[in-house]
């Protein structure tokens, strides 16, 4: 995924509609989605192999350039010329977000690319210490890919960390850690598990227990934005990891 930030100023409304005309001053490009995860892991000092799918377009070139700038290899990225690179363009005027334009194709990978993705996964997974899955529901993690991930992680005894926008839709197996936010955790669990304040220890412990009962994972980490994260092991007590919020314009 490519994140683009267009920064500018507005001085008038458009003649054809009551919307601001933003005069662009600069464009900033950043690795997004799983690519952002790869950059963060690399900056922590680990070596990274990034497996994903892009289009054959200008956004793909910008994304590859950004990854290379952060010393993240791009030779395992698979190109699908029939779909665009997932891109999010945010338009800012005087530091206020005016609009966001998304370009994407979230259909499942076609069979030939799916098979290529699985072969790359079979090649890369055995040599990794940790597999991090960043799932934005853009069609890469098909049922077959998810099943192969579970099989390979069990075969090679690898720790798998999953951050998915919709754990309820997936059937992940043999996962070490899942990291949903509060809303994503709620979608997986029964209504009785989500009553109470979202930052209440008892409520979060109950939610984690439901999550652990429904997802094949050892650890559940529910992220709660500026508050922090609530962590619980399958056979242990839950505890907080508090955040230190930073003011961002």
Foldseek 3Di string as FASTA:
>chain_A
DKEKEFEFAFDAADPVDRATDGDTDDMDIAADFVLNVQLVVVVVPDADADAEEAEPDPRVVSNCVRSVVSVHDDPRYHYDNVWHGWYKYFYYHPNHTRDIDTGAALAADPPVVLVVSLVVCLVPVLVDQEAEAGAPNRRDCDQVNQVSVQVVCVVNVHAYEYEYQAPLVHQHAPHAEYEYAPVNLVNNFDPVLQPDDPPDQVSVQSSQQRSVVRHRYQKYWHAYPQQFIWIDGNPGGIDGDGHDDDDDD
